[in-house]
Protein backbone atom coordinates (compact mmCIF):
# COMPACT_ATOMS: atom_id res chain seq x y z
CA MET A 1 112.09 53.06 153.63
CA ASN A 2 113.78 52.35 150.43
CA ASN A 3 111.29 49.77 149.59
CA LYS A 4 108.66 52.33 149.76
CA LYS A 5 110.31 54.82 147.69
CA ASN A 6 110.46 52.26 144.87
CA TYR A 7 107.17 51.16 145.15
CA LEU A 8 105.73 54.67 145.06
CA SER A 9 107.81 55.43 142.24
CA LEU A 10 106.64 52.65 140.34
CA MET A 11 103.08 53.44 141.11
CA PHE A 12 103.61 56.88 139.80
CA LEU A 13 105.22 55.90 136.95
CA SER A 14 102.46 53.29 136.08
CA ALA A 15 99.65 56.17 136.45
CA MET A 16 101.68 58.32 134.27
CA LEU A 17 101.59 55.68 131.54
CA MET A 18 98.36 55.02 131.76
CA LEU A 19 97.32 58.82 131.48
CA ASN A 20 99.13 58.59 128.11
CA THR A 21 96.26 56.13 126.55
CA ALA A 22 93.57 58.56 128.21
CA GLN A 23 94.40 61.23 125.76
CA ALA A 24 93.19 59.55 122.55
CA LYS A 25 90.67 61.86 120.92
CA ILE A 26 87.05 61.26 120.86
CA GLU A 27 85.33 62.00 117.74
CA SER A 28 81.26 63.37 118.06
CA LEU A 29 79.99 63.54 114.39
CA GLU A 30 76.65 65.14 113.97
CA PHE A 31 75.02 62.91 111.05
CA ALA A 32 72.24 64.61 109.24
CA ASN A 33 70.01 61.20 108.85
CA ASP A 34 70.60 57.53 109.91
CA GLN A 35 71.40 56.44 106.31
CA MET A 36 74.58 58.76 106.21
CA LYS A 37 75.60 57.33 109.82
CA ASP A 38 75.36 53.78 108.36
CA ASP A 39 77.13 54.80 105.39
CA TYR A 40 79.89 56.64 107.32
CA HIS A 41 80.33 53.72 109.73
CA SER A 42 80.54 50.84 106.94
CA LEU A 43 82.83 53.31 104.91
CA VAL A 44 85.20 53.69 107.74
CA ALA A 45 85.46 49.83 108.27
CA GLU A 46 85.83 48.91 105.02
CA LEU A 47 88.73 51.01 104.08
CA ARG A 48 92.45 50.47 105.05
CA CYS A 49 94.56 52.91 107.21
CA LEU A 50 97.51 53.60 105.18
CA VAL A 51 99.88 54.11 108.26
CA CYS A 52 98.56 51.08 110.28
CA GLN A 53 98.23 48.78 107.24
CA ASN A 54 96.46 46.17 109.29
CA GLN A 55 93.50 48.15 110.87
CA ASN A 56 90.66 49.78 109.03
CA LEU A 57 89.94 53.64 109.33
CA ALA A 58 87.62 53.02 112.28
CA ASP A 59 90.00 51.40 114.54
CA SER A 60 93.04 53.10 113.87
CA ASN A 61 94.34 56.34 115.96
CA ALA A 62 96.86 57.56 113.51
CA GLU A 63 96.51 61.02 112.38
CA LEU A 64 96.21 60.22 108.93
CA ALA A 65 93.27 57.95 109.63
CA GLN A 66 91.58 60.53 111.66
CA ASP A 67 91.94 62.80 108.57
CA LEU A 68 90.49 60.16 106.19
CA ARG A 69 87.52 59.81 108.64
CA LYS A 70 86.94 63.35 108.59
CA GLN A 71 87.02 63.67 104.93
CA VAL A 72 84.68 60.65 104.68
CA PHE A 73 82.20 62.54 106.68
CA GLU A 74 82.71 65.56 104.82
CA MET A 75 82.01 64.05 101.55
CA LEU A 76 78.95 62.50 103.01
CA ASP A 77 77.63 65.48 104.52
CA LYS A 78 77.93 67.35 101.12
CA GLY A 79 75.87 64.49 99.76
CA SER A 80 78.41 62.26 98.05
CA SER A 81 77.45 58.63 97.65
CA ARG A 82 79.26 55.81 99.17
CA SER A 83 80.82 55.02 95.70
CA ASP A 84 81.78 58.62 95.42
CA VAL A 85 84.07 58.04 98.53
CA VAL A 86 85.23 55.22 97.65
CA ASP A 87 86.27 56.05 94.09
CA PHE A 88 87.93 59.24 95.95
CA MET A 89 90.14 57.13 97.80
CA VAL A 90 90.98 54.83 95.34
CA THR A 91 91.89 57.55 92.95
CA ARG A 92 94.04 59.22 95.79
CA TYR A 93 95.62 56.14 97.37
CA GLY A 94 95.26 53.42 94.89
CA ASP A 95 93.23 49.95 95.49
CA PHE A 96 95.30 49.54 98.75
CA VAL A 97 93.20 51.59 100.57
CA LEU A 98 90.68 48.70 100.18
CA TYR A 99 90.54 45.57 102.22
CA ARG A 100 88.79 43.82 99.34
CA PRO A 101 90.56 45.33 96.09
CA PRO A 102 88.46 44.66 92.76
CA VAL A 103 89.63 41.80 90.74
CA LYS A 104 91.67 42.95 87.83
CA THR A 105 95.10 42.61 85.77
CA THR A 106 96.93 44.40 88.37
CA THR A 107 95.50 42.67 91.55
CA LEU A 108 95.34 39.10 89.95
CA LEU A 109 98.57 37.81 91.80
CA LEU A 110 97.00 39.29 95.07
CA TRP A 111 93.79 37.16 94.79
CA TYR A 112 95.13 33.95 93.20
CA GLY A 113 98.78 34.00 94.34
CA PRO A 114 97.94 32.12 97.51
CA VAL A 115 96.08 29.45 95.69
CA VAL A 116 98.85 29.16 93.17
CA LEU A 117 101.47 28.99 95.89
CA PHE A 118 99.40 26.20 97.62
CA LEU A 119 99.09 23.88 94.50
CA ILE A 120 102.70 24.41 94.02
CA ALA A 121 103.38 23.61 97.47
CA LEU A 122 101.04 20.33 97.40
CA SER A 123 102.40 19.20 94.23
CA ILE A 124 106.00 19.16 95.65
CA VAL A 125 104.64 17.16 98.84
CA VAL A 126 103.08 14.68 96.71
CA VAL A 127 106.12 14.08 94.48
CA PHE A 128 108.25 14.01 97.73
CA TYR A 129 105.86 11.38 99.38
CA ARG A 130 105.89 9.13 96.09
CA LYS A 131 109.74 9.05 96.18
CA GLN A 132 109.74 8.27 99.45
CA THR A 133 107.32 5.31 99.22
CA ARG A 134 109.09 4.00 96.06
CA LYS A 135 112.39 4.00 97.99
CA SER A 136 110.85 1.93 100.90
CA GLU A 137 109.58 -0.91 98.64
CA VAL A 138 112.87 -2.71 98.81
CA VAL A 139 112.90 -6.48 97.50
CA LEU A 140 114.91 -9.07 99.26
CA SER A 141 116.04 -12.40 97.68
CA ASP A 142 115.38 -15.42 99.59
CA GLN A 143 119.14 -15.72 100.58
CA GLN A 144 118.83 -12.20 101.75
CA LYS A 145 115.71 -13.19 103.85
CA LYS A 146 117.26 -16.11 105.27
CA ARG A 147 120.12 -14.24 106.38
CA ALA A 148 117.95 -11.60 108.05
CA HIS A 149 116.37 -14.27 109.97
CA SER A 150 119.43 -15.86 111.23
CA LEU A 151 120.73 -12.49 112.60
CA LEU A 152 117.50 -11.77 114.22
CA ASP A 153 117.28 -15.08 115.71
CA ASN A 154 120.75 -14.59 117.56
């Protein structure tokens, strides 16, 4: 009887946990035309969620992402262009809101830092490898060779 209670309790708890994920809000937006719909979907796909940081606005369920999606929709609905929306977001949140920030002096390290670090690591590996090969090139005299052969023959 105790096993049955535990099983029922586990089933109830599992059901309650599953219901929690079912509470996600579904946004239903009325687009004026297909161009606006395409612009909306491409913008929310290329703008970063500032809460999640590794998701775009389209994939994030954070409240801020929902607000930003609503903001994008409202701006497009009022006739703003894609560049107007992007400029507004960058002005408000900085280049971080973009998945592909522009190349400028403040983002040079972001764009070229990985290449520089790779080249530094590659040069360290090459220097280390060259030192190792020089150490392994040991020249033995004839007397040392004879002694080594005599030791190995025993």
